[in-house]
Structures are given as C-alpha cells and as structure tokens.
Amino acid sequence: MARQYHPDVCDPSKKEESTKMFVRLHAAYKTLSDPVLREEYDCKLSSRNSQGAFRSDFAYQCSRKKWQEQIHELKRRSNMTQKEASWGSRMRAKNNSQTKDS
C-alpha cells in the first residue's frame, strides 16, 4: 500500500490525496511496529469497544498498568529531584524531617 500511495509514484492528479494517505499509512506502521505504541493502541481500542458498565479484563489491566507506570515515573522524578537538589535544599529537607520526628 505504501508504494501505491507514495507521493513520488502516484498519479499527479491525485498527489494531495495520496500524500495524506501515505502519511496515515506511515503513522499506522510506526504504531503497529513499535511494541510499546502497539500496546497503548490495543488498550485504547479495547476500552472503546467495551463501553458502558462492562469493561473487558484486558481494558482493566491496561488502565491499571498505565496508572502504575505513572506512579512509578512520579516516584522516580521525585527521587531524582531530591538527589539533584542543592546542598542547602538537602539540609533544609533533612532538618524539616528531623523536626517532624521530634
């Protein structure tokens, strides 16, 4: 299909339409060939197909995994921020934690 809609080989009268289709095909290929993007696509597709009170187990697992990944990323960023803080910031944080413990 990519060859059929490639802007360099298509009929000149259909070049604009072929270019749009080629861009869409390229985006679809990138999504489906990347395992991470493919999983996100499958999750979105599953959640759309299971509207209403019933959600498939797959859609639930996708939502849960996404939520856990977000929590993990937030914790990672928080730890990085604390490690990269200035000496003064680290001392204030240390003193604040010691006064709370007292």
PDB file of N, CA and C in Angstrom:
ATOM      1  N   MET A   1       0.813  -1.197   0.000  1.00  0.00           N
ATOM      2  CA  MET A   1       0.000   0.000   0.000  1.00  0.00           C
ATOM      3  C   MET A   1       0.856   1.260   0.000  1.00  0.00           C
ATOM      4  N   ALA A   2       1.986   1.188   0.683  1.00  0.00           N
ATOM      5  CA  ALA A   2       2.839   2.373   0.750  1.00  0.00           C
ATOM      6  C   ALA A   2       3.308   2.787  -0.641  1.00  0.00           C
ATOM      7  N   ARG A   3       3.658   1.807  -1.454  1.00  0.00           N
ATOM      8  CA  ARG A   3       4.085   2.139  -2.822  1.00  0.00           C
ATOM      9  C   ARG A   3       2.940   2.743  -3.631  1.00  0.00           C
ATOM     10  N   GLN A   4       1.761   2.217  -3.415  1.00  0.00           N
ATOM     11  CA  GLN A   4       0.592   2.701  -4.163  1.00  0.00           C
ATOM     12  C   GLN A   4       0.317   4.176  -3.864  1.00  0.00           C
ATOM     13  N   TYR A   5       0.496   4.581  -2.589  1.00  0.00           N
ATOM     14  CA  TYR A   5       0.159   5.950  -2.196  1.00  0.00           C
ATOM     15  C   TYR A   5       1.372   6.861  -2.039  1.00  0.00           C
ATOM     16  N   HIS A   6       2.565   6.371  -2.336  1.00  0.00           N
ATOM     17  CA  HIS A   6       3.757   7.207  -2.194  1.00  0.00           C
ATOM     18  C   HIS A   6       3.639   8.408  -3.144  1.00  0.00           C
ATOM     19  N   PRO A   7       3.882   9.621  -2.638  1.00  0.00           N
ATOM     20  CA  PRO A   7       3.715  10.833  -3.457  1.00  0.00           C
ATOM     21  C   PRO A   7       4.584  10.869  -4.717  1.00  0.00           C
ATOM     22  N   ASP A   8       5.699  10.177  -4.706  1.00  0.00           N
ATOM     23  CA  ASP A   8       6.591  10.202  -5.872  1.00  0.00           C
ATOM     24  C   ASP A   8       6.130   9.301  -7.015  1.00  0.00           C
ATOM     25  N   VAL A   9       5.283   8.321  -6.728  1.00  0.00           N
ATOM     26  CA  VAL A   9       4.876   7.375  -7.772  1.00  0.00           C
ATOM     27  C   VAL A   9       3.386   7.425  -8.102  1.00  0.00           C
ATOM     28  N   CYS A  10       2.639   8.240  -7.398  1.00  0.00           N
ATOM     29  CA  CYS A  10       1.194   8.288  -7.635  1.00  0.00           C
ATOM     30  C   CYS A  10       0.864   9.145  -8.864  1.00  0.00           C
ATOM     31  N   ASP A  11      -0.365   9.053  -9.265  1.00  0.00           N
ATOM     32  CA  ASP A  11      -0.882   9.863 -10.370  1.00  0.00           C
ATOM     33  C   ASP A  11      -0.817  11.336  -9.946  1.00  0.00           C
ATOM     34  N   PRO A  12      -0.231  12.211 -10.757  1.00  0.00           N
ATOM     35  CA  PRO A  12      -0.098  13.629 -10.380  1.00  0.00           C
ATOM     36  C   PRO A  12      -1.430  14.297 -10.018  1.00  0.00           C
ATOM     37  N   SER A  13      -2.514  13.858 -10.608  1.00  0.00           N
ATOM     38  CA  SER A  13      -3.810  14.473 -10.296  1.00  0.00           C
ATOM     39  C   SER A  13      -4.307  14.074  -8.904  1.00  0.00           C
ATOM     40  N   LYS A  14      -3.742  13.014  -8.335  1.00  0.00           N
ATOM     41  CA  LYS A  14      -4.163  12.537  -7.010  1.00  0.00           C
ATOM     42  C   LYS A  14      -3.051  12.690  -5.973  1.00  0.00           C
ATOM     43  N   LYS A  15      -2.104  13.560  -6.257  1.00  0.00           N
ATOM     44  CA  LYS A  15      -0.928  13.680  -5.394  1.00  0.00           C
ATOM     45  C   LYS A  15      -1.288  14.109  -3.963  1.00  0.00           C
ATOM     46  N   GLU A  16      -2.166  15.097  -3.811  1.00  0.00           N
ATOM     47  CA  GLU A  16      -2.522  15.578  -2.471  1.00  0.00           C
ATOM     48  C   GLU A  16      -3.221  14.481  -1.668  1.00  0.00           C
ATOM     49  N   GLU A  17      -4.173  13.817  -2.284  1.00  0.00           N
ATOM     50  CA  GLU A  17      -4.896  12.731  -1.616  1.00  0.00           C
ATOM     51  C   GLU A  17      -3.946  11.580  -1.270  1.00  0.00           C
ATOM     52  N   SER A  18      -3.065  11.246  -2.201  1.00  0.00           N
ATOM     53  CA  SER A  18      -2.101  10.164  -1.972  1.00  0.00           C
ATOM     54  C   SER A  18      -1.123  10.515  -0.857  1.00  0.00           C
ATOM     55  N   THR A  19      -0.720  11.761  -0.797  1.00  0.00           N
ATOM     56  CA  THR A  19       0.201  12.191   0.260  1.00  0.00           C
ATOM     57  C   THR A  19      -0.442  12.033   1.630  1.00  0.00           C
ATOM     58  N   LYS A  20      -1.697  12.451   1.752  1.00  0.00           N
ATOM     59  CA  LYS A  20      -2.405  12.313   3.036  1.00  0.00           C
ATOM     60  C   LYS A  20      -2.519  10.844   3.435  1.00  0.00           C
ATOM     61  N   MET A  21      -2.856   9.993   2.481  1.00  0.00           N
ATOM     62  CA  MET A  21      -2.993   8.569   2.766  1.00  0.00           C
ATOM     63  C   MET A  21      -1.643   7.958   3.133  1.00  0.00           C
ATOM     64  N   PHE A  22      -0.590   8.382   2.454  1.00  0.00           N
ATOM     65  CA  PHE A  22       0.746   7.869   2.748  1.00  0.00           C
ATOM     66  C   PHE A  22       1.166   8.245   4.170  1.00  0.00           C
ATOM     67  N   VAL A  23       0.869   9.463   4.585  1.00  0.00           N
ATOM     68  CA  VAL A  23       1.201   9.907   5.945  1.00  0.00           C
ATOM     69  C   VAL A  23       0.441   9.058   6.968  1.00  0.00           C
ATOM     70  N   ARG A  24      -0.827   8.790   6.703  1.00  0.00           N
ATOM     71  CA  ARG A  24      -1.623   7.953   7.609  1.00  0.00           C
ATOM     72  C   ARG A  24      -1.069   6.530   7.668  1.00  0.00           C
ATOM     73  N   LEU A  25      -0.687   5.994   6.529  1.00  0.00           N
ATOM     74  CA  LEU A  25      -0.112   4.646   6.495  1.00  0.00           C
ATOM     75  C   LEU A  25       1.200   4.590   7.276  1.00  0.00           C
ATOM     76  N   HIS A  26       2.009   5.622   7.118  1.00  0.00           N
ATOM     77  CA  HIS A  26       3.286   5.672   7.838  1.00  0.00           C
ATOM     78  C   HIS A  26       3.052   5.723   9.351  1.00  0.00           C
ATOM     79  N   ALA A  27       2.086   6.534   9.785  1.00  0.00           N
ATOM     80  CA  ALA A  27       1.770   6.626  11.217  1.00  0.00           C
ATOM     81  C   ALA A  27       1.267   5.280  11.743  1.00  0.00           C
ATOM     82  N   ALA A  28       0.423   4.617  10.967  1.00  0.00           N
ATOM     83  CA  ALA A  28      -0.085   3.305  11.375  1.00  0.00           C
ATOM     84  C   ALA A  28       1.058   2.296  11.480  1.00  0.00           C
ATOM     85  N   TYR A  29       1.963   2.326  10.524  1.00  0.00           N
ATOM     86  CA  TYR A  29       3.104   1.408  10.548  1.00  0.00           C
ATOM     87  C   TYR A  29       3.971   1.650  11.785  1.00  0.00           C
ATOM     88  N   LYS A  30       4.250   2.922  12.088  1.00  0.00           N
ATOM     89  CA  LYS A  30       5.061   3.244  13.265  1.00  0.00           C
ATOM     90  C   LYS A  30       4.395   2.728  14.534  1.00  0.00           C
ATOM     91  N   THR A  31       3.077   2.911  14.642  1.00  0.00           N
ATOM     92  CA  THR A  31       2.349   2.473  15.832  1.00  0.00           C
ATOM     93  C   THR A  31       2.369   0.958  15.963  1.00  0.00           C
ATOM     94  N   LEU A  32       2.076   0.269  14.891  1.00  0.00           N
ATOM     95  CA  LEU A  32       1.950  -1.185  14.957  1.00  0.00           C
ATOM     96  C   LEU A  32       3.289  -1.911  15.016  1.00  0.00           C
ATOM     97  N   SER A  33       4.365  -1.272  14.585  1.00  0.00           N
ATOM     98  CA  SER A  33       5.672  -1.930  14.615  1.00  0.00           C
ATOM     99  C   SER A  33       6.432  -1.683  15.919  1.00  0.00           C
ATOM    100  N   ASP A  34       6.016  -0.700  16.701  1.00  0.00           N
ATOM    101  CA  ASP A  34       6.651  -0.413  17.990  1.00  0.00           C
ATOM    102  C   ASP A  34       5.857  -1.127  19.090  1.00  0.00           C
ATOM    103  N   PRO A  35       6.471  -2.042  19.855  1.00  0.00           N
ATOM    104  CA  PRO A  35       5.721  -2.806  20.860  1.00  0.00           C
ATOM    105  C   PRO A  35       5.021  -1.945  21.910  1.00  0.00           C
ATOM    106  N   VAL A  36       5.653  -0.867  22.345  1.00  0.00           N
ATOM    107  CA  VAL A  36       5.045  -0.005  23.362  1.00  0.00           C
ATOM    108  C   VAL A  36       3.844   0.739  22.785  1.00  0.00           C
ATOM    109  N   LEU A  37       4.027   1.338  21.615  1.00  0.00           N
ATOM    110  CA  LEU A  37       2.920   2.049  20.976  1.00  0.00           C
ATOM    111  C   LEU A  37       1.793   1.093  20.610  1.00  0.00           C
ATOM    112  N   ARG A  38       2.149  -0.117  20.208  1.00  0.00           N
ATOM    113  CA  ARG A  38       1.138  -1.120  19.849  1.00  0.00           C
ATOM    114  C   ARG A  38       0.293  -1.475  21.069  1.00  0.00           C
ATOM    115  N   GLU A  39       0.930  -1.639  22.218  1.00  0.00           N
ATOM    116  CA  GLU A  39       0.192  -1.971  23.437  1.00  0.00           C
ATOM    117  C   GLU A  39      -0.755  -0.835  23.824  1.00  0.00           C
ATOM    118  N   GLU A  40      -0.277   0.411  23.719  1.00  0.00           N
ATOM    119  CA  GLU A  40      -1.148   1.554  24.010  1.00  0.00           C
ATOM    120  C   GLU A  40      -2.334   1.590  23.055  1.00  0.00           C
ATOM    121  N   TYR A  41      -2.074   1.334  21.785  1.00  0.00           N
ATOM    122  CA  TYR A  41      -3.138   1.313  20.781  1.00  0.00           C
ATOM    123  C   TYR A  41      -4.158   0.224  21.109  1.00  0.00           C
ATOM    124  N   ASP A  42      -3.679  -0.965  21.443  1.00  0.00           N
ATOM    125  CA  ASP A  42      -4.579  -2.066  21.782  1.00  0.00           C
ATOM    126  C   ASP A  42      -5.425  -1.735  23.009  1.00  0.00           C
ATOM    127  N   CYS A  43      -4.815  -1.075  23.996  1.00  0.00           N
ATOM    128  CA  CYS A  43      -5.559  -0.694  25.201  1.00  0.00           C
ATOM    129  C   CYS A  43      -6.656   0.311  24.871  1.00  0.00           C
ATOM    130  N   LYS A  44      -6.320   1.311  24.079  1.00  0.00           N
ATOM    131  CA  LYS A  44      -7.321   2.308  23.695  1.00  0.00           C
ATOM    132  C   LYS A  44      -8.440   1.670  22.901  1.00  0.00           C
ATOM    133  N   LEU A  45      -8.088   0.787  22.007  1.00  0.00           N
ATOM    134  CA  LEU A  45      -9.082   0.109  21.186  1.00  0.00           C
ATOM    135  C   LEU A  45      -9.987  -0.762  22.050  1.00  0.00           C
ATOM    136  N   SER A  46      -9.409  -1.451  23.003  1.00  0.00           N
ATOM    137  CA  SER A  46     -10.186  -2.315  23.885  1.00  0.00           C
ATOM    138  C   SER A  46     -11.138  -1.508  24.756  1.00  0.00           C
ATOM    139  N   SER A  47     -10.681  -0.369  25.270  1.00  0.00           N
ATOM    140  CA  SER A  47     -11.548   0.437  26.137  1.00  0.00           C
ATOM    141  C   SER A  47     -12.679   1.080  25.347  1.00  0.00           C
ATOM    142  N   ARG A  48     -12.457   1.387  24.076  1.00  0.00           N
ATOM    143  CA  ARG A  48     -13.529   1.935  23.240  1.00  0.00           C
ATOM    144  C   ARG A  48     -14.585   0.880  22.932  1.00  0.00           C
ATOM    145  N   ASN A  49     -14.142  -0.350  22.745  1.00  0.00           N
ATOM    146  CA  ASN A  49     -15.069  -1.420  22.387  1.00  0.00           C
ATOM    147  C   ASN A  49     -15.882  -1.918  23.572  1.00  0.00           C
ATOM    148  N   SER A  50     -15.448  -1.611  24.776  1.00  0.00           N
ATOM    149  CA  SER A  50     -16.165  -2.111  25.952  1.00  0.00           C
ATOM    150  C   SER A  50     -16.747  -0.955  26.751  1.00  0.00           C
ATOM    151  N   GLN A  51     -17.602  -0.179  26.128  1.00  0.00           N
ATOM    152  CA  GLN A  51     -18.218   0.965  26.789  1.00  0.00           C
ATOM    153  C   GLN A  51     -19.329   0.486  27.716  1.00  0.00           C
ATOM    154  N   GLY A  52     -19.745   1.376  28.598  1.00  0.00           N
ATOM    155  CA  GLY A  52     -20.837   1.048  29.495  1.00  0.00           C
ATOM    156  C   GLY A  52     -20.327   0.451  30.786  1.00  0.00           C
ATOM    157  N   ALA A  53     -21.208  -0.272  31.485  1.00  0.00           N
ATOM    158  CA  ALA A  53     -20.871  -0.819  32.796  1.00  0.00           C
ATOM    159  C   ALA A  53     -19.835  -1.931  32.698  1.00  0.00           C
ATOM    160  N   PHE A  54     -19.834  -2.677  31.630  1.00  0.00           N
ATOM    161  CA  PHE A  54     -18.906  -3.799  31.472  1.00  0.00           C
ATOM    162  C   PHE A  54     -17.639  -3.356  30.763  1.00  0.00           C
ATOM    163  N   ARG A  55     -16.535  -3.634  31.366  1.00  0.00           N
ATOM    164  CA  ARG A  55     -15.243  -3.402  30.711  1.00  0.00           C
ATOM    165  C   ARG A  55     -14.506  -4.720  30.683  1.00  0.00           C
ATOM    166  N   SER A  56     -13.863  -4.994  29.604  1.00  0.00           N
ATOM    167  CA  SER A  56     -13.138  -6.259  29.488  1.00  0.00           C
ATOM    168  C   SER A  56     -11.980  -6.292  30.481  1.00  0.00           C
ATOM    169  N   ASP A  57     -11.575  -7.476  30.819  1.00  0.00           N
ATOM    170  CA  ASP A  57     -10.449  -7.650  31.727  1.00  0.00           C
ATOM    171  C   ASP A  57      -9.181  -7.043  31.130  1.00  0.00           C
ATOM    172  N   PHE A  58      -9.035  -7.157  29.819  1.00  0.00           N
ATOM    173  CA  PHE A  58      -7.866  -6.597  29.141  1.00  0.00           C
ATOM    174  C   PHE A  58      -7.830  -5.079  29.301  1.00  0.00           C
ATOM    175  N   ALA A  59      -8.987  -4.426  29.118  1.00  0.00           N
ATOM    176  CA  ALA A  59      -9.047  -2.970  29.261  1.00  0.00           C
ATOM    177  C   ALA A  59      -8.718  -2.563  30.694  1.00  0.00           C
ATOM    178  N   TYR A  60      -9.221  -3.339  31.663  1.00  0.00           N
ATOM    179  CA  TYR A  60      -8.932  -3.057  33.070  1.00  0.00           C
ATOM    180  C   TYR A  60      -7.430  -3.178  33.337  1.00  0.00           C
ATOM    181  N   GLN A  61      -6.822  -4.246  32.833  1.00  0.00           N
ATOM    182  CA  GLN A  61      -5.389  -4.448  33.039  1.00  0.00           C
ATOM    183  C   GLN A  61      -4.573  -3.330  32.397  1.00  0.00           C
ATOM    184  N   CYS A  62      -5.002  -2.879  31.223  1.00  0.00           N
ATOM    185  CA  CYS A  62      -4.299  -1.782  30.548  1.00  0.00           C
ATOM    186  C   CYS A  62      -4.372  -0.503  31.373  1.00  0.00           C
ATOM    187  N   SER A  63      -5.565  -0.206  31.882  1.00  0.00           N
ATOM    188  CA  SER A  63      -5.734   1.002  32.694  1.00  0.00           C
ATOM    189  C   SER A  63      -4.886   0.923  33.951  1.00  0.00           C
ATOM    190  N   ARG A  64      -4.904  -0.234  34.576  1.00  0.00           N
ATOM    191  CA  ARG A  64      -4.138  -0.410  35.803  1.00  0.00           C
ATOM    192  C   ARG A  64      -2.636  -0.281  35.536  1.00  0.00           C
ATOM    193  N   LYS A  65      -2.182  -0.896  34.458  1.00  0.00           N
ATOM    194  CA  LYS A  65      -0.756  -0.829  34.119  1.00  0.00           C
ATOM    195  C   LYS A  65      -0.338   0.613  33.846  1.00  0.00           C
ATOM    196  N   LYS A  66      -1.166   1.344  33.120  1.00  0.00           N
ATOM    197  CA  LYS A  66      -0.868   2.744  32.809  1.00  0.00           C
ATOM    198  C   LYS A  66      -0.762   3.555  34.104  1.00  0.00           C
ATOM    199  N   TRP A  67      -1.708   3.338  35.020  1.00  0.00           N
ATOM    200  CA  TRP A  67      -1.707   4.044  36.296  1.00  0.00           C
ATOM    201  C   TRP A  67      -0.444   3.711  37.081  1.00  0.00           C
ATOM    202  N   GLN A  68      -0.062   2.438  37.126  1.00  0.00           N
ATOM    203  CA  GLN A  68       1.137   2.037  37.855  1.00  0.00           C
ATOM    204  C   GLN A  68       2.397   2.643  37.237  1.00  0.00           C
ATOM    205  N   GLU A  69       2.439   2.716  35.923  1.00  0.00           N
ATOM    206  CA  GLU A  69       3.590   3.328  35.256  1.00  0.00           C
ATOM    207  C   GLU A  69       3.691   4.811  35.596  1.00  0.00           C
ATOM    208  N   GLN A  70       2.544   5.480  35.677  1.00  0.00           N
ATOM    209  CA  GLN A  70       2.552   6.899  36.022  1.00  0.00           C
ATOM    210  C   GLN A  70       3.044   7.103  37.450  1.00  0.00           C
ATOM    211  N   ILE A  71       2.588   6.276  38.377  1.00  0.00           N
ATOM    212  CA  ILE A  71       3.036   6.371  39.772  1.00  0.00           C
ATOM    213  C   ILE A  71       4.546   6.118  39.854  1.00  0.00           C
ATOM    214  N   HIS A  72       5.012   5.095  39.159  1.00  0.00           N
ATOM    215  CA  HIS A  72       6.442   4.776  39.153  1.00  0.00           C
ATOM    216  C   HIS A  72       7.258   5.960  38.623  1.00  0.00           C
ATOM    217  N   GLU A  73       6.794   6.568  37.543  1.00  0.00           N
ATOM    218  CA  GLU A  73       7.511   7.707  36.952  1.00  0.00           C
ATOM    219  C   GLU A  73       7.525   8.902  37.912  1.00  0.00           C
ATOM    220  N   LEU A  74       6.412   9.161  38.581  1.00  0.00           N
ATOM    221  CA  LEU A  74       6.372  10.266  39.546  1.00  0.00           C
ATOM    222  C   LEU A  74       7.335  10.025  40.703  1.00  0.00           C
ATOM    223  N   LYS A  75       7.390   8.796  41.194  1.00  0.00           N
ATOM    224  CA  LYS A  75       8.323   8.474  42.277  1.00  0.00           C
ATOM    225  C   LYS A  75       9.766   8.623  41.806  1.00  0.00           C
ATOM    226  N   ARG A  76      10.045   8.174  40.587  1.00  0.00           N
ATOM    227  CA  ARG A  76      11.398   8.288  40.035  1.00  0.00           C
ATOM    228  C   ARG A  76      11.811   9.752  39.930  1.00  0.00           C
ATOM    229  N   ARG A  77      10.898  10.584  39.431  1.00  0.00           N
ATOM    230  CA  ARG A  77      11.204  12.016  39.305  1.00  0.00           C
ATOM    231  C   ARG A  77      11.425  12.655  40.667  1.00  0.00           C
ATOM    232  N   SER A  78      10.603  12.269  41.630  1.00  0.00           N
ATOM    233  CA  SER A  78      10.737  12.819  42.972  1.00  0.00           C
ATOM    234  C   SER A  78      12.097  12.457  43.563  1.00  0.00           C
ATOM    235  N   ASN A  79      12.511  11.223  43.404  1.00  0.00           N
ATOM    236  CA  ASN A  79      13.821  10.793  43.911  1.00  0.00           C
ATOM    237  C   ASN A  79      14.954  11.516  43.201  1.00  0.00           C
ATOM    238  N   MET A  80      14.827  11.713  41.897  1.00  0.00           N
ATOM    239  CA  MET A  80      15.863  12.424  41.148  1.00  0.00           C
ATOM    240  C   MET A  80      15.967  13.867  41.624  1.00  0.00           C
ATOM    241  N   THR A  81      14.822  14.494  41.831  1.00  0.00           N
ATOM    242  CA  THR A  81      14.809  15.885  42.269  1.00  0.00           C
ATOM    243  C   THR A  81      15.497  16.022  43.620  1.00  0.00           C
ATOM    244  N   GLN A  82      15.217  15.082  44.521  1.00  0.00           N
ATOM    245  CA  GLN A  82      15.835  15.141  45.842  1.00  0.00           C
ATOM    246  C   GLN A  82      17.346  14.936  45.755  1.00  0.00           C
ATOM    247  N   LYS A  83      17.789  14.038  44.896  1.00  0.00           N
ATOM    248  CA  LYS A  83      19.226  13.776  44.767  1.00  0.00           C
ATOM    249  C   LYS A  83      19.951  14.932  44.097  1.00  0.00           C
ATOM    250  N   GLU A  84      19.278  15.614  43.178  1.00  0.00           N
ATOM    251  CA  GLU A  84      19.909  16.691  42.427  1.00  0.00           C
ATOM    252  C   GLU A  84      19.768  18.051  43.111  1.00  0.00           C
ATOM    253  N   ALA A  85      19.105  18.080  44.239  1.00  0.00           N
ATOM    254  CA  ALA A  85      18.882  19.349  44.924  1.00  0.00           C
ATOM    255  C   ALA A  85      20.211  19.923  45.423  1.00  0.00           C
ATOM    256  N   SER A  86      20.199  21.208  45.652  1.00  0.00           N
ATOM    257  CA  SER A  86      21.405  21.862  46.154  1.00  0.00           C
ATOM    258  C   SER A  86      21.681  21.404  47.585  1.00  0.00           C
ATOM    259  N   TRP A  87      22.892  21.686  48.044  1.00  0.00           N
ATOM    260  CA  TRP A  87      23.265  21.311  49.401  1.00  0.00           C
ATOM    261  C   TRP A  87      22.317  21.956  50.403  1.00  0.00           C
ATOM    262  N   GLY A  88      21.996  23.229  50.196  1.00  0.00           N
ATOM    263  CA  GLY A  88      21.090  23.929  51.110  1.00  0.00           C
ATOM    264  C   GLY A  88      19.703  23.302  51.135  1.00  0.00           C
ATOM    265  N   SER A  89      19.201  22.934  49.978  1.00  0.00           N
ATOM    266  CA  SER A  89      17.881  22.299  49.911  1.00  0.00           C
ATOM    267  C   SER A  89      17.883  20.958  50.626  1.00  0.00           C
ATOM    268  N   ARG A  90      18.962  20.202  50.458  1.00  0.00           N
ATOM    269  CA  ARG A  90      19.048  18.904  51.133  1.00  0.00           C
ATOM    270  C   ARG A  90      19.113  19.086  52.648  1.00  0.00           C
ATOM    271  N   MET A  91      19.831  20.104  53.109  1.00  0.00           N
ATOM    272  CA  MET A  91      19.940  20.348  54.550  1.00  0.00           C
ATOM    273  C   MET A  91      18.590  20.786  55.133  1.00  0.00           C
ATOM    274  N   ARG A  92      17.877  21.663  54.407  1.00  0.00           N
ATOM    275  CA  ARG A  92      16.547  22.087  54.875  1.00  0.00           C
ATOM    276  C   ARG A  92      15.605  20.892  54.966  1.00  0.00           C
ATOM    277  N   ALA A  93      15.632  20.041  53.946  1.00  0.00           N
ATOM    278  CA  ALA A  93      14.767  18.861  53.950  1.00  0.00           C
ATOM    279  C   ALA A  93      15.128  17.940  55.111  1.00  0.00           C
ATOM    280  N   LYS A  94      16.421  17.788  55.351  1.00  0.00           N
ATOM    281  CA  LYS A  94      16.872  16.936  56.457  1.00  0.00           C
ATOM    282  C   LYS A  94      16.422  17.519  57.792  1.00  0.00           C
ATOM    283  N   ASN A  95      16.597  18.834  57.971  1.00  0.00           N
ATOM    284  CA  ASN A  95      16.179  19.486  59.215  1.00  0.00           C
ATOM    285  C   ASN A  95      14.668  19.414  59.399  1.00  0.00           C
ATOM    286  N   ASN A  96      13.924  19.605  58.317  1.00  0.00           N
ATOM    287  CA  ASN A  96      12.461  19.522  58.406  1.00  0.00           C
ATOM    288  C   ASN A  96      12.012  18.124  58.806  1.00  0.00           C
ATOM    289  N   SER A  97      12.661  17.103  58.273  1.00  0.00           N
ATOM    290  CA  SER A  97      12.266  15.733  58.619  1.00  0.00           C
ATOM    291  C   SER A  97      12.637  15.420  60.064  1.00  0.00           C
ATOM    292  N   GLN A  98      13.749  15.994  60.558  1.00  0.00           N
ATOM    293  CA  GLN A  98      14.153  15.757  61.944  1.00  0.00           C
ATOM    294  C   GLN A  98      13.210  16.451  62.916  1.00  0.00           C
ATOM    295  N   THR A  99      12.729  17.652  62.575  1.00  0.00           N
ATOM    296  CA  THR A  99      11.811  18.363  63.467  1.00  0.00           C
ATOM    297  C   THR A  99      10.444  17.691  63.492  1.00  0.00           C
ATOM    298  N   LYS A 100      10.045  17.075  62.402  1.00  0.00           N
ATOM    299  CA  LYS A 100       8.763  16.356  62.369  1.00  0.00           C
ATOM    300  C   LYS A 100       8.832  15.093  63.211  1.00  0.00           C
ATOM    301  N   ASP A 101      10.002  14.452  63.239  1.00  0.00           N
ATOM    302  CA  ASP A 101      10.180  13.220  64.006  1.00  0.00           C
ATOM    303  C   ASP A 101      10.218  13.497  65.507  1.00  0.00           C
ATOM    304  N   SER A 102      10.584  14.715  65.906  1.00  0.00           N
ATOM    305  CA  SER A 102      10.727  15.053  67.333  1.00  0.00           C
ATOM    306  C   SER A 102       9.406  15.234  68.020  1.00  0.00           C
TER     307      SER A 102
END
